[in-house]
PDB file of all heavy atoms in Angstrom:
ATOM      1  N   GLU A   1       0.826  -1.201   0.000  1.00  0.00           N
ATOM      2  CA  GLU A   1       0.000   0.000   0.000  1.00  0.00           C
ATOM      3  C   GLU A   1       0.861   1.252   0.000  1.00  0.00           C
ATOM      4  O   GLU A   1       1.970   1.256   0.541  1.00  0.00           O
ATOM      5  CB  GLU A   1      -0.921   0.021   1.228  1.00  0.00           C
ATOM      6  CG  GLU A   1      -0.210   0.066   2.553  1.00  0.00           C
ATOM      7  CD  GLU A   1      -1.148   0.242   3.731  1.00  0.00           C
ATOM      8  OE1 GLU A   1      -2.375   0.331   3.533  1.00  0.00           O
ATOM      9  OE2 GLU A   1      -0.641   0.304   4.859  1.00  0.00           O
ATOM     10  N   LEU A   2       0.314   2.314  -0.572  1.00  0.00           N
ATOM     11  CA  LEU A   2       1.002   3.589  -0.592  1.00  0.00           C
ATOM     12  C   LEU A   2       1.023   4.178   0.814  1.00  0.00           C
ATOM     13  O   LEU A   2       0.010   4.183   1.515  1.00  0.00           O
ATOM     14  CB  LEU A   2       0.289   4.556  -1.539  1.00  0.00           C
ATOM     15  CG  LEU A   2       0.810   5.980  -1.540  1.00  0.00           C
ATOM     16  CD1 LEU A   2       2.200   6.056  -2.149  1.00  0.00           C
ATOM     17  CD2 LEU A   2      -0.153   6.897  -2.292  1.00  0.00           C
ATOM     18  N   VAL A   3       2.177   4.689   1.206  1.00  0.00           N
ATOM     19  CA  VAL A   3       2.307   5.390   2.486  1.00  0.00           C
ATOM     20  C   VAL A   3       2.339   6.898   2.236  1.00  0.00           C
ATOM     21  O   VAL A   3       1.554   7.654   2.810  1.00  0.00           O
ATOM     22  CB  VAL A   3       3.576   4.947   3.231  1.00  0.00           C
ATOM     23  CG1 VAL A   3       3.743   5.740   4.519  1.00  0.00           C
ATOM     24  CG2 VAL A   3       3.547   3.448   3.509  1.00  0.00           C
ATOM     25  N   ALA A   4       3.274   7.333   1.407  1.00  0.00           N
ATOM     26  CA  ALA A   4       3.415   8.757   1.130  1.00  0.00           C
ATOM     27  C   ALA A   4       4.198   8.931  -0.165  1.00  0.00           C
ATOM     28  O   ALA A   4       5.049   8.106  -0.494  1.00  0.00           O
ATOM     29  CB  ALA A   4       4.115   9.473   2.270  1.00  0.00           C
ATOM     30  N   VAL A   5       3.916  10.017  -0.877  1.00  0.00           N
ATOM     31  CA  VAL A   5       4.591  10.263  -2.140  1.00  0.00           C
ATOM     32  C   VAL A   5       4.715  11.765  -2.368  1.00  0.00           C
ATOM     33  O   VAL A   5       3.855  12.541  -1.933  1.00  0.00           O
ATOM     34  CB  VAL A   5       3.841   9.599  -3.315  1.00  0.00           C
ATOM     35  CG1 VAL A   5       2.457  10.196  -3.484  1.00  0.00           C
ATOM     36  CG2 VAL A   5       4.634   9.694  -4.609  1.00  0.00           C
ATOM     37  N   VAL A   6       5.807  12.136  -3.035  1.00  0.00           N
ATOM     38  CA  VAL A   6       6.005  13.509  -3.488  1.00  0.00           C
ATOM     39  C   VAL A   6       5.941  13.506  -5.006  1.00  0.00           C
ATOM     40  O   VAL A   6       6.716  12.809  -5.656  1.00  0.00           O
ATOM     41  CB  VAL A   6       7.363  14.078  -3.031  1.00  0.00           C
ATOM     42  CG1 VAL A   6       7.524  15.506  -3.549  1.00  0.00           C
ATOM     43  CG2 VAL A   6       7.480  14.053  -1.519  1.00  0.00           C
ATOM     44  N   ASN A   7       5.014  14.275  -5.568  1.00  0.00           N
ATOM     45  CA  ASN A   7       4.831  14.357  -7.014  1.00  0.00           C
ATOM     46  C   ASN A   7       5.477  15.619  -7.552  1.00  0.00           C
ATOM     47  O   ASN A   7       5.349  16.702  -6.964  1.00  0.00           O
ATOM     48  CB  ASN A   7       3.340  14.388  -7.358  1.00  0.00           C
ATOM     49  CG  ASN A   7       2.643  13.097  -7.027  1.00  0.00           C
ATOM     50  OD1 ASN A   7       2.985  12.050  -7.557  1.00  0.00           O
ATOM     51  ND2 ASN A   7       1.667  13.157  -6.138  1.00  0.00           N
ATOM     52  N   SER A   8       6.146  15.467  -8.703  1.00  0.00           N
ATOM     53  CA  SER A   8       6.650  16.630  -9.431  1.00  0.00           C
ATOM     54  C   SER A   8       6.644  16.281 -10.909  1.00  0.00           C
ATOM     55  O   SER A   8       7.699  16.225 -11.556  1.00  0.00           O
ATOM     56  CB  SER A   8       8.039  17.031  -8.944  1.00  0.00           C
ATOM     57  OG  SER A   8       8.934  15.939  -9.035  1.00  0.00           O
ATOM     58  N   ASP A   9       5.463  16.011 -11.418  1.00  0.00           N
ATOM     59  CA  ASP A   9       5.284  15.513 -12.782  1.00  0.00           C
ATOM     60  C   ASP A   9       4.858  16.651 -13.693  1.00  0.00           C
ATOM     61  O   ASP A   9       3.712  17.082 -13.662  1.00  0.00           O
ATOM     62  CB  ASP A   9       4.240  14.392 -12.769  1.00  0.00           C
ATOM     63  CG  ASP A   9       4.146  13.665 -14.091  1.00  0.00           C
ATOM     64  OD1 ASP A   9       4.534  14.233 -15.130  1.00  0.00           O
ATOM     65  OD2 ASP A   9       3.658  12.526 -14.091  1.00  0.00           O
ATOM     66  N   ARG A  10       5.789  17.125 -14.520  1.00  0.00           N
ATOM     67  CA  ARG A  10       5.497  18.249 -15.402  1.00  0.00           C
ATOM     68  C   ARG A  10       4.492  17.872 -16.478  1.00  0.00           C
ATOM     69  O   ARG A  10       3.602  18.647 -16.800  1.00  0.00           O
ATOM     70  CB  ARG A  10       6.787  18.735 -16.061  1.00  0.00           C
ATOM     71  CG  ARG A  10       7.819  19.255 -15.099  1.00  0.00           C
ATOM     72  CD  ARG A  10       9.065  19.686 -15.850  1.00  0.00           C
ATOM     73  NE  ARG A  10      10.155  20.036 -14.964  1.00  0.00           N
ATOM     74  CZ  ARG A  10      11.360  20.381 -15.387  1.00  0.00           C
ATOM     75  NH1 ARG A  10      11.607  20.439 -16.678  1.00  0.00           N
ATOM     76  NH2 ARG A  10      12.305  20.685 -14.528  1.00  0.00           N
ATOM     77  N   ARG A  11       4.635  16.652 -17.025  1.00  0.00           N
ATOM     78  CA  ARG A  11       3.771  16.257 -18.133  1.00  0.00           C
ATOM     79  C   ARG A  11       2.317  16.179 -17.713  1.00  0.00           C
ATOM     80  O   ARG A  11       1.413  16.567 -18.449  1.00  0.00           O
ATOM     81  CB  ARG A  11       4.220  14.910 -18.690  1.00  0.00           C
ATOM     82  CG  ARG A  11       5.569  14.963 -19.391  1.00  0.00           C
ATOM     83  CD  ARG A  11       5.935  13.614 -19.991  1.00  0.00           C
ATOM     84  NE  ARG A  11       7.272  13.590 -20.568  1.00  0.00           N
ATOM     85  CZ  ARG A  11       7.821  12.538 -21.143  1.00  0.00           C
ATOM     86  NH1 ARG A  11       7.159  11.418 -21.211  1.00  0.00           N
ATOM     87  NH2 ARG A  11       9.038  12.597 -21.632  1.00  0.00           N
ATOM     88  N   ARG A  12       2.071  15.660 -16.507  1.00  0.00           N
ATOM     89  CA  ARG A  12       0.697  15.500 -16.036  1.00  0.00           C
ATOM     90  C   ARG A  12       0.270  16.641 -15.124  1.00  0.00           C
ATOM     91  O   ARG A  12      -0.844  16.645 -14.603  1.00  0.00           O
ATOM     92  CB  ARG A  12       0.555  14.169 -15.292  1.00  0.00           C
ATOM     93  CG  ARG A  12       0.904  12.961 -16.133  1.00  0.00           C
ATOM     94  CD  ARG A  12       0.971  11.723 -15.274  1.00  0.00           C
ATOM     95  NE  ARG A  12       1.783  10.694 -15.898  1.00  0.00           N
ATOM     96  CZ  ARG A  12       2.339   9.690 -15.246  1.00  0.00           C
ATOM     97  NH1 ARG A  12       2.166   9.578 -13.947  1.00  0.00           N
ATOM     98  NH2 ARG A  12       3.058   8.800 -15.879  1.00  0.00           N
ATOM     99  N   ASN A  13       1.184  17.600 -14.893  1.00  0.00           N
ATOM    100  CA  ASN A  13       0.892  18.727 -14.015  1.00  0.00           C
ATOM    101  C   ASN A  13       0.448  18.250 -12.634  1.00  0.00           C
ATOM    102  O   ASN A  13      -0.559  18.704 -12.084  1.00  0.00           O
ATOM    103  CB  ASN A  13      -0.186  19.630 -14.634  1.00  0.00           C
ATOM    104  CG  ASN A  13      -0.239  20.990 -13.961  1.00  0.00           C
ATOM    105  OD1 ASN A  13       0.751  21.485 -13.451  1.00  0.00           O
ATOM    106  ND2 ASN A  13      -1.418  21.588 -13.964  1.00  0.00           N
ATOM    107  N   LEU A  14       1.233  17.306 -12.074  1.00  0.00           N
ATOM    108  CA  LEU A  14       0.932  16.789 -10.757  1.00  0.00           C
ATOM    109  C   LEU A  14       2.040  17.186  -9.800  1.00  0.00           C
ATOM    110  O   LEU A  14       3.202  16.829 -10.017  1.00  0.00           O
ATOM    111  CB  LEU A  14       0.809  15.257 -10.783  1.00  0.00           C
ATOM    112  CG  LEU A  14      -0.399  14.680 -11.510  1.00  0.00           C
ATOM    113  CD1 LEU A  14      -0.302  13.159 -11.551  1.00  0.00           C
ATOM    114  CD2 LEU A  14      -1.684  15.099 -10.822  1.00  0.00           C
ATOM    115  N   TYR A  15       1.698  17.928  -8.755  1.00  0.00           N
ATOM    116  CA  TYR A  15       2.680  18.390  -7.790  1.00  0.00           C
ATOM    117  C   TYR A  15       2.122  18.239  -6.387  1.00  0.00           C
ATOM    118  O   TYR A  15       0.908  18.250  -6.171  1.00  0.00           O
ATOM    119  CB  TYR A  15       3.052  19.852  -8.048  1.00  0.00           C
ATOM    120  CG  TYR A  15       3.710  20.090  -9.379  1.00  0.00           C
ATOM    121  CD1 TYR A  15       2.959  20.435 -10.495  1.00  0.00           C
ATOM    122  CD2 TYR A  15       5.087  19.947  -9.528  1.00  0.00           C
ATOM    123  CE1 TYR A  15       3.557  20.625 -11.720  1.00  0.00           C
ATOM    124  CE2 TYR A  15       5.695  20.150 -10.760  1.00  0.00           C
ATOM    125  CZ  TYR A  15       4.918  20.493 -11.847  1.00  0.00           C
ATOM    126  OH  TYR A  15       5.519  20.676 -13.058  1.00  0.00           O
ATOM    127  N   GLY A  16       3.036  18.108  -5.431  1.00  0.00           N
ATOM    128  CA  GLY A  16       2.623  18.065  -4.034  1.00  0.00           C
ATOM    129  C   GLY A  16       2.811  16.708  -3.414  1.00  0.00           C
ATOM    130  O   GLY A  16       3.403  15.805  -4.003  1.00  0.00           O
ATOM    131  N   THR A  17       2.303  16.567  -2.220  1.00  0.00           N
ATOM    132  CA  THR A  17       2.461  15.337  -1.451  1.00  0.00           C
ATOM    133  C   THR A  17       1.111  14.673  -1.205  1.00  0.00           C
ATOM    134  O   THR A  17       0.085  15.358  -1.097  1.00  0.00           O
ATOM    135  CB  THR A  17       3.133  15.605  -0.094  1.00  0.00           C
ATOM    136  OG1 THR A  17       2.345  16.570   0.622  1.00  0.00           O
ATOM    137  CG2 THR A  17       4.536  16.166  -0.278  1.00  0.00           C
ATOM    138  N   ASN A  18       1.130  13.350  -1.099  1.00  0.00           N
ATOM    139  CA  ASN A  18      -0.048  12.574  -0.744  1.00  0.00           C
ATOM    140  C   ASN A  18       0.322  11.592   0.349  1.00  0.00           C
ATOM    141  O   ASN A  18       1.423  11.031   0.337  1.00  0.00           O
ATOM    142  CB  ASN A  18      -0.600  11.811  -1.951  1.00  0.00           C
ATOM    143  CG  ASN A  18      -1.245  12.724  -2.961  1.00  0.00           C
ATOM    144  OD1 ASN A  18      -2.053  13.584  -2.607  1.00  0.00           O
ATOM    145  ND2 ASN A  18      -0.906  12.557  -4.217  1.00  0.00           N
ATOM    146  N   TYR A  19      -0.597  11.378   1.264  1.00  0.00           N
ATOM    147  CA  TYR A  19      -0.385  10.451   2.371  1.00  0.00           C
ATOM    148  C   TYR A  19      -1.559   9.489   2.488  1.00  0.00           C
ATOM    149  O   TYR A  19      -2.709   9.858   2.201  1.00  0.00           O
ATOM    150  CB  TYR A  19      -0.265  11.198   3.703  1.00  0.00           C
ATOM    151  CG  TYR A  19       0.934  12.080   3.847  1.00  0.00           C
ATOM    152  CD1 TYR A  19       0.901  13.419   3.481  1.00  0.00           C
ATOM    153  CD2 TYR A  19       2.135  11.579   4.373  1.00  0.00           C
ATOM    154  CE1 TYR A  19       2.005  14.238   3.615  1.00  0.00           C
ATOM    155  CE2 TYR A  19       3.242  12.389   4.521  1.00  0.00           C
ATOM    156  CZ  TYR A  19       3.177  13.723   4.147  1.00  0.00           C
ATOM    157  OH  TYR A  19       4.278  14.519   4.291  1.00  0.00           O
ATOM    158  N   ALA A  20      -1.259   8.283   2.948  1.00  0.00           N
ATOM    159  CA  ALA A  20      -2.332   7.379   3.333  1.00  0.00           C
ATOM    160  C   ALA A  20      -3.040   7.966   4.555  1.00  0.00           C
ATOM    161  O   ALA A  20      -2.409   8.592   5.405  1.00  0.00           O
ATOM    162  CB  ALA A  20      -1.765   6.000   3.672  1.00  0.00           C
ATOM    163  N   ASP A  21      -4.340   7.765   4.630  1.00  0.00           N
ATOM    164  CA  ASP A  21      -5.097   8.311   5.762  1.00  0.00           C
ATOM    165  C   ASP A  21      -4.550   7.829   7.100  1.00  0.00           C
ATOM    166  O   ASP A  21      -4.560   8.569   8.089  1.00  0.00           O
ATOM    167  CB  ASP A  21      -6.579   7.922   5.637  1.00  0.00           C
ATOM    168  CG  ASP A  21      -7.286   8.668   4.522  1.00  0.00           C
ATOM    169  OD1 ASP A  21      -6.762   9.708   4.067  1.00  0.00           O
ATOM    170  OD2 ASP A  21      -8.361   8.202   4.099  1.00  0.00           O
ATOM    171  N   SER A  22      -4.060   6.611   7.128  1.00  0.00           N
ATOM    172  CA  SER A  22      -3.605   6.015   8.376  1.00  0.00           C
ATOM    173  C   SER A  22      -2.338   6.655   8.930  1.00  0.00           C
ATOM    174  O   SER A  22      -2.003   6.449  10.101  1.00  0.00           O
ATOM    175  CB  SER A  22      -3.365   4.510   8.188  1.00  0.00           C
ATOM    176  OG  SER A  22      -2.383   4.287   7.199  1.00  0.00           O
ATOM    177  N   VAL A  23      -1.620   7.422   8.106  1.00  0.00           N
ATOM    178  CA  VAL A  23      -0.364   8.011   8.568  1.00  0.00           C
ATOM    179  C   VAL A  23      -0.402   9.535   8.617  1.00  0.00           C
ATOM    180  O   VAL A  23       0.560  10.163   9.065  1.00  0.00           O
ATOM    181  CB  VAL A  23       0.828   7.557   7.700  1.00  0.00           C
ATOM    182  CG1 VAL A  23       0.879   6.033   7.621  1.00  0.00           C
ATOM    183  CG2 VAL A  23       0.802   8.178   6.320  1.00  0.00           C
ATOM    184  N   LYS A  24      -1.497  10.132   8.155  1.00  0.00           N
ATOM    185  CA  LYS A  24      -1.593  11.594   8.152  1.00  0.00           C
ATOM    186  C   LYS A  24      -1.448  12.134   9.565  1.00  0.00           C
ATOM    187  O   LYS A  24      -2.041  11.622  10.511  1.00  0.00           O
ATOM    188  CB  LYS A  24      -2.936  12.028   7.563  1.00  0.00           C
ATOM    189  CG  LYS A  24      -3.019  11.900   6.054  1.00  0.00           C
ATOM    190  CD  LYS A  24      -4.376  12.368   5.539  1.00  0.00           C
ATOM    191  CE  LYS A  24      -4.454  12.220   4.026  1.00  0.00           C
ATOM    192  NZ  LYS A  24      -5.782  12.606   3.493  1.00  0.00           N
ATOM    193  N   GLY A  25      -0.634  13.174   9.685  1.00  0.00           N
ATOM    194  CA  GLY A  25      -0.388  13.775  10.990  1.00  0.00           C
ATOM    195  C   GLY A  25       0.723  13.114  11.774  1.00  0.00           C
ATOM    196  O   GLY A  25       1.170  13.654  12.789  1.00  0.00           O
ATOM    197  N   ARG A  26       1.175  11.938  11.318  1.00  0.00           N
ATOM    198  CA  ARG A  26       2.251  11.241  12.030  1.00  0.00           C
ATOM    199  C   ARG A  26       3.515  11.121  11.183  1.00  0.00           C
ATOM    200  O   ARG A  26       4.630  11.156  11.701  1.00  0.00           O
ATOM    201  CB  ARG A  26       1.795   9.836  12.439  1.00  0.00           C
ATOM    202  CG  ARG A  26       0.584   9.811  13.344  1.00  0.00           C
ATOM    203  CD  ARG A  26       0.297   8.400  13.852  1.00  0.00           C
ATOM    204  NE  ARG A  26      -0.023   7.468  12.770  1.00  0.00           N
ATOM    205  CZ  ARG A  26       0.654   6.338  12.530  1.00  0.00           C
ATOM    206  NH1 ARG A  26       1.694   6.005  13.272  1.00  0.00           N
ATOM    207  NH2 ARG A  26       0.281   5.542  11.528  1.00  0.00           N
ATOM    208  N   PHE A  27       3.342  10.952   9.881  1.00  0.00           N
ATOM    209  CA  PHE A  27       4.477  10.778   8.975  1.00  0.00           C
ATOM    210  C   PHE A  27       4.643  12.040   8.124  1.00  0.00           C
ATOM    211  O   PHE A  27       3.666  12.687   7.746  1.00  0.00           O
ATOM    212  CB  PHE A  27       4.254   9.604   8.031  1.00  0.00           C
ATOM    213  CG  PHE A  27       4.280   8.247   8.676  1.00  0.00           C
ATOM    214  CD1 PHE A  27       4.277   8.086  10.047  1.00  0.00           C
ATOM    215  CD2 PHE A  27       4.298   7.096   7.889  1.00  0.00           C
ATOM    216  CE1 PHE A  27       4.290   6.830  10.635  1.00  0.00           C
ATOM    217  CE2 PHE A  27       4.314   5.836   8.447  1.00  0.00           C
ATOM    218  CZ  PHE A  27       4.307   5.710   9.826  1.00  0.00           C
ATOM    219  N   THR A  28       5.888  12.345   7.802  1.00  0.00           N
ATOM    220  CA  THR A  28       6.184  13.475   6.927  1.00  0.00           C
ATOM    221  C   THR A  28       7.190  13.035   5.879  1.00  0.00           C
ATOM    222  O   THR A  28       8.259  12.512   6.221  1.00  0.00           O
ATOM    223  CB  THR A  28       6.755  14.653   7.721  1.00  0.00           C
ATOM    224  OG1 THR A  28       5.822  15.046   8.741  1.00  0.00           O
ATOM    225  CG2 THR A  28       7.008  15.843   6.801  1.00  0.00           C
ATOM    226  N   ILE A  29       6.858  13.284   4.619  1.00  0.00           N
ATOM    227  CA  ILE A  29       7.772  12.951   3.534  1.00  0.00           C
ATOM    228  C   ILE A  29       8.408  14.227   3.009  1.00  0.00           C
ATOM    229  O   ILE A  29       7.758  15.275   2.948  1.00  0.00           O
ATOM    230  CB  ILE A  29       7.046  12.193   2.402  1.00  0.00           C
ATOM    231  CG1 ILE A  29       8.055  11.656   1.385  1.00  0.00           C
ATOM    232  CG2 ILE A  29       5.992  13.065   1.725  1.00  0.00           C
ATOM    233  CD1 ILE A  29       7.461  10.697   0.365  1.00  0.00           C
ATOM    234  N   SER A  30       9.668  14.121   2.657  1.00  0.00           N
ATOM    235  CA  SER A  30      10.365  15.246   2.056  1.00  0.00           C
ATOM    236  C   SER A  30      11.261  14.723   0.942  1.00  0.00           C
ATOM    237  O   SER A  30      11.558  13.528   0.885  1.00  0.00           O
ATOM    238  CB  SER A  30      11.189  16.002   3.093  1.00  0.00           C
ATOM    239  OG  SER A  30      12.160  15.153   3.679  1.00  0.00           O
ATOM    240  N   ARG A  31      11.676  15.632   0.085  1.00  0.00           N
ATOM    241  CA  ARG A  31      12.493  15.228  -1.053  1.00  0.00           C
ATOM    242  C   ARG A  31      13.540  16.296  -1.328  1.00  0.00           C
ATOM    243  O   ARG A  31      13.255  17.494  -1.241  1.00  0.00           O
ATOM    244  CB  ARG A  31      11.617  15.022  -2.284  1.00  0.00           C
ATOM    245  CG  ARG A  31      12.353  14.486  -3.484  1.00  0.00           C
ATOM    246  CD  ARG A  31      11.378  14.162  -4.594  1.00  0.00           C
ATOM    247  NE  ARG A  31      11.908  14.541  -5.871  1.00  0.00           N
ATOM    248  CZ  ARG A  31      11.220  14.542  -7.000  1.00  0.00           C
ATOM    249  NH1 ARG A  31       9.946  14.196  -6.994  1.00  0.00           N
ATOM    250  NH2 ARG A  31      11.772  14.894  -8.138  1.00  0.00           N
ATOM    251  N   ASP A  32      14.734  15.832  -1.651  1.00  0.00           N
ATOM    252  CA  ASP A  32      15.824  16.709  -2.053  1.00  0.00           C
ATOM    253  C   ASP A  32      16.054  16.461  -3.547  1.00  0.00           C
ATOM    254  O   ASP A  32      16.627  15.442  -3.922  1.00  0.00           O
ATOM    255  CB  ASP A  32      17.085  16.403  -1.246  1.00  0.00           C
ATOM    256  CG  ASP A  32      18.209  17.392  -1.521  1.00  0.00           C
ATOM    257  OD1 ASP A  32      18.317  17.873  -2.669  1.00  0.00           O
ATOM    258  OD2 ASP A  32      18.978  17.673  -0.596  1.00  0.00           O
ATOM    259  N   ASN A  33      15.585  17.381  -4.380  1.00  0.00           N
ATOM    260  CA  ASN A  33      15.678  17.182  -5.824  1.00  0.00           C
ATOM    261  C   ASN A  33      17.125  17.150  -6.315  1.00  0.00           C
ATOM    262  O   ASN A  33      17.457  16.429  -7.253  1.00  0.00           O
ATOM    263  CB  ASN A  33      14.916  18.287  -6.549  1.00  0.00           C
ATOM    264  CG  ASN A  33      13.424  18.200  -6.311  1.00  0.00           C
ATOM    265  OD1 ASN A  33      12.870  17.117  -6.148  1.00  0.00           O
ATOM    266  ND2 ASN A  33      12.761  19.341  -6.273  1.00  0.00           N
ATOM    267  N   ALA A  34      17.976  17.924  -5.693  1.00  0.00           N
ATOM    268  CA  ALA A  34      19.370  17.988  -6.140  1.00  0.00           C
ATOM    269  C   ALA A  34      20.116  16.679  -5.876  1.00  0.00           C
ATOM    270  O   ALA A  34      21.014  16.304  -6.620  1.00  0.00           O
ATOM    271  CB  ALA A  34      20.079  19.139  -5.449  1.00  0.00           C
ATOM    272  N   LYS A  35      19.715  15.986  -4.822  1.00  0.00           N
ATOM    273  CA  LYS A  35      20.411  14.752  -4.443  1.00  0.00           C
ATOM    274  C   LYS A  35      19.626  13.496  -4.822  1.00  0.00           C
ATOM    275  O   LYS A  35      20.099  12.387  -4.573  1.00  0.00           O
ATOM    276  CB  LYS A  35      20.675  14.746  -2.937  1.00  0.00           C
ATOM    277  CG  LYS A  35      21.596  15.852  -2.467  1.00  0.00           C
ATOM    278  CD  LYS A  35      21.811  15.781  -0.953  1.00  0.00           C
ATOM    279  CE  LYS A  35      22.731  16.887  -0.494  1.00  0.00           C
ATOM    280  NZ  LYS A  35      22.931  16.853   0.983  1.00  0.00           N
ATOM    281  N   ASN A  36      18.439  13.669  -5.388  1.00  0.00           N
ATOM    282  CA  ASN A  36      17.581  12.529  -5.748  1.00  0.00           C
ATOM    283  C   ASN A  36      17.310  11.642  -4.540  1.00  0.00           C
ATOM    284  O   ASN A  36      17.413  10.403  -4.612  1.00  0.00           O
ATOM    285  CB  ASN A  36      18.200  11.702  -6.879  1.00  0.00           C
ATOM    286  CG  ASN A  36      18.161  12.426  -8.209  1.00  0.00           C
ATOM    287  OD1 ASN A  36      17.333  13.306  -8.427  1.00  0.00           O
ATOM    288  ND2 ASN A  36      19.074  12.070  -9.100  1.00  0.00           N
ATOM    289  N   THR A  37      16.983  12.261  -3.441  1.00  0.00           N
ATOM    290  CA  THR A  37      16.701  11.513  -2.231  1.00  0.00           C
ATOM    291  C   THR A  37      15.318  11.862  -1.685  1.00  0.00           C
ATOM    292  O   THR A  37      14.775  12.934  -1.966  1.00  0.00           O
ATOM    293  CB  THR A  37      17.731  11.795  -1.123  1.00  0.00           C
ATOM    294  OG1 THR A  37      17.694  13.192  -0.814  1.00  0.00           O
ATOM    295  CG2 THR A  37      19.127  11.405  -1.561  1.00  0.00           C
ATOM    296  N   THR A  38      14.763  10.948  -0.929  1.00  0.00           N
ATOM    297  CA  THR A  38      13.537  11.200  -0.221  1.00  0.00           C
ATOM    298  C   THR A  38      13.667  10.666   1.195  1.00  0.00           C
ATOM    299  O   THR A  38      14.363   9.663   1.427  1.00  0.00           O
ATOM    300  CB  THR A  38      12.325  10.567  -0.915  1.00  0.00           C
ATOM    301  OG1 THR A  38      11.123  10.921  -0.198  1.00  0.00           O
ATOM    302  CG2 THR A  38      12.417   9.056  -0.947  1.00  0.00           C
ATOM    303  N   THR A  39      13.030  11.338   2.132  1.00  0.00           N
ATOM    304  CA  THR A  39      13.089  10.956   3.540  1.00  0.00           C
ATOM    305  C   THR A  39      11.675  10.845   4.089  1.00  0.00           C
ATOM    306  O   THR A  39      10.821  11.679   3.773  1.00  0.00           O
ATOM    307  CB  THR A  39      13.867  12.006   4.348  1.00  0.00           C
ATOM    308  OG1 THR A  39      15.202  12.083   3.848  1.00  0.00           O
ATOM    309  CG2 THR A  39      13.912  11.620   5.811  1.00  0.00           C
ATOM    310  N   LEU A  40      11.441   9.820   4.872  1.00  0.00           N
ATOM    311  CA  LEU A  40      10.145   9.632   5.523  1.00  0.00           C
ATOM    312  C   LEU A  40      10.376   9.685   7.028  1.00  0.00           C
ATOM    313  O   LEU A  40      10.986   8.776   7.603  1.00  0.00           O
ATOM    314  CB  LEU A  40       9.524   8.298   5.117  1.00  0.00           C
ATOM    315  CG  LEU A  40       8.108   8.041   5.660  1.00  0.00           C
ATOM    316  CD1 LEU A  40       7.111   9.012   5.015  1.00  0.00           C
ATOM    317  CD2 LEU A  40       7.685   6.601   5.393  1.00  0.00           C
ATOM    318  N   GLN A  41       9.898  10.735   7.648  1.00  0.00           N
ATOM    319  CA  GLN A  41       9.981  10.868   9.095  1.00  0.00           C
ATOM    320  C   GLN A  41       8.717  10.267   9.678  1.00  0.00           C
ATOM    321  O   GLN A  41       7.607  10.742   9.388  1.00  0.00           O
ATOM    322  CB  GLN A  41      10.111  12.336   9.490  1.00  0.00           C
ATOM    323  CG  GLN A  41      10.099  12.566  10.993  1.00  0.00           C
ATOM    324  CD  GLN A  41      11.287  11.934  11.688  1.00  0.00           C
ATOM    325  OE1 GLN A  41      12.416  12.013  11.202  1.00  0.00           O
ATOM    326  NE2 GLN A  41      11.041  11.281  12.821  1.00  0.00           N
ATOM    327  N   MET A  42       8.868   9.252  10.511  1.00  0.00           N
ATOM    328  CA  MET A  42       7.722   8.538  11.079  1.00  0.00           C
ATOM    329  C   MET A  42       7.696   8.750  12.581  1.00  0.00           C
ATOM    330  O   MET A  42       8.619   8.344  13.283  1.00  0.00           O
ATOM    331  CB  MET A  42       7.811   7.048  10.750  1.00  0.00           C
ATOM    332  CG  MET A  42       7.963   6.756   9.264  1.00  0.00           C
ATOM    333  SD  MET A  42       7.922   4.997   8.869  1.00  0.00           S
ATOM    334  CE  MET A  42       9.442   4.461   9.643  1.00  0.00           C
ATOM    335  N   ASN A  43       6.645   9.382  13.063  1.00  0.00           N
ATOM    336  CA  ASN A  43       6.465   9.649  14.486  1.00  0.00           C
ATOM    337  C   ASN A  43       5.238   8.913  15.003  1.00  0.00           C
ATOM    338  O   ASN A  43       4.381   8.486  14.234  1.00  0.00           O
ATOM    339  CB  ASN A  43       6.316  11.148  14.726  1.00  0.00           C
ATOM    340  CG  ASN A  43       7.528  11.935  14.304  1.00  0.00           C
ATOM    341  OD1 ASN A  43       8.666  11.483  14.417  1.00  0.00           O
ATOM    342  ND2 ASN A  43       7.295  13.142  13.812  1.00  0.00           N
ATOM    343  N   SER A  44       5.163   8.795  16.309  1.00  0.00           N
ATOM    344  CA  SER A  44       4.022   8.141  16.958  1.00  0.00           C
ATOM    345  C   SER A  44       3.730   6.780  16.328  1.00  0.00           C
ATOM    346  O   SER A  44       2.585   6.444  16.011  1.00  0.00           O
ATOM    347  CB  SER A  44       2.781   9.034  16.871  1.00  0.00           C
ATOM    348  OG  SER A  44       3.012  10.283  17.479  1.00  0.00           O
ATOM    349  N   LEU A  45       4.773   6.008  16.151  1.00  0.00           N
ATOM    350  CA  LEU A  45       4.626   4.721  15.482  1.00  0.00           C
ATOM    351  C   LEU A  45       3.774   3.762  16.313  1.00  0.00           C
ATOM    352  O   LEU A  45       3.836   3.758  17.556  1.00  0.00           O
ATOM    353  CB  LEU A  45       5.996   4.114  15.207  1.00  0.00           C
ATOM    354  CG  LEU A  45       6.720   4.739  14.008  1.00  0.00           C
ATOM    355  CD1 LEU A  45       8.208   4.457  14.058  1.00  0.00           C
ATOM    356  CD2 LEU A  45       6.119   4.230  12.701  1.00  0.00           C
ATOM    357  N   GLN A  46       3.001   2.954  15.598  1.00  0.00           N
ATOM    358  CA  GLN A  46       2.096   2.006  16.217  1.00  0.00           C
ATOM    359  C   GLN A  46       2.411   0.605  15.695  1.00  0.00           C
ATOM    360  O   GLN A  46       2.990   0.455  14.612  1.00  0.00           O
ATOM    361  CB  GLN A  46       0.648   2.381  15.859  1.00  0.00           C
ATOM    362  CG  GLN A  46       0.271   3.787  16.216  1.00  0.00           C
ATOM    363  CD  GLN A  46      -1.004   4.231  15.515  1.00  0.00           C
ATOM    364  OE1 GLN A  46      -1.623   3.476  14.766  1.00  0.00           O
ATOM    365  NE2 GLN A  46      -1.414   5.468  15.780  1.00  0.00           N
TER     366      GLN A  46
END
């Protein structure tokens, strides 16, 4: 299942972040475009 994603799709004009409902408010996704990296900070883990 999808947890979180960062979109930057020029062709489809899709930008921003999406989260699964179960992780909203607890997980944060970020992306460093220059380094081609993504980080998922997970808090209040269950």
